[in-house]
Structure formats: structure tokens, C-alpha cells
Amino acid sequence: MTLEQFQAQIQPSLAARDQLVTLQGQTVDSRTQRVASGSASLNLAQLVVNSVRGDVTEGENGSLYAAMGYIPKNERRSGLARKGSTATPVSTTAVKPEATAVTTAK
């Protein structure tokens, strides 16, 4: 086999490897763009939520606020948790000895 024949036969493998390197670079670029545009989108979404919260007819207790995935203010818990004693109480009952019958043999 000549060098040219060998290079011709491995060319598809080398082309696939080059394509993978190119695609990996594009993946990194796409992820960077996603992060940059994602933060801008989150800021815009937060402005929409704030406008719903500030609306007189909706507010933080409105159905639209709940439909957006938030918990309405009147349904939130207070956050106060009274934690009781976690130790189990010790029983203080005394064990009475059993009465034994004494039998005498005659």
C-alpha cells in the first residue's frame, strides 16, 4: 500500500475528527450566548413579575401571580416553627415483684 492510498483510506476518519472539533467549538460558543441572553431574559421576566405585583387589581394575592408559579402572599406560612422536645419521656413506673406461692410438702 502506498502512502497516498493509506491517506485516502483514513481521510473519512480524519474529516470526522475535524468536524467534531469544529462542532465542539460551536457548542462552547452557543453555551456562552445562552448564558448571556439567559440573564437578560431573566431580568425581563422579573420586570414582568414586578409589574404584576405592583398592579392594583392583581397584586401579590392575585390569580395571575399564582399562575406565574409564585405563592400568593395570603397563602404563605409565617415561617415560625415551634420545635418541641425531641427526647422520649422516660417511664417512671416501678415493676412490682410477682407474688410466689409457697407450697409445703407433708
Foldseek 3Di string as FASTA:
>chain_A
DDPVVVCVVCVVVVVVVVVVVVVVVVVVVVVVVCVVVVVVVVVVVVVVLVVQLPDPVAHQQHPVNVVVVDDRPVPDDPPDDDDDDPDDDDDDDDDDDDDDDDDDDD
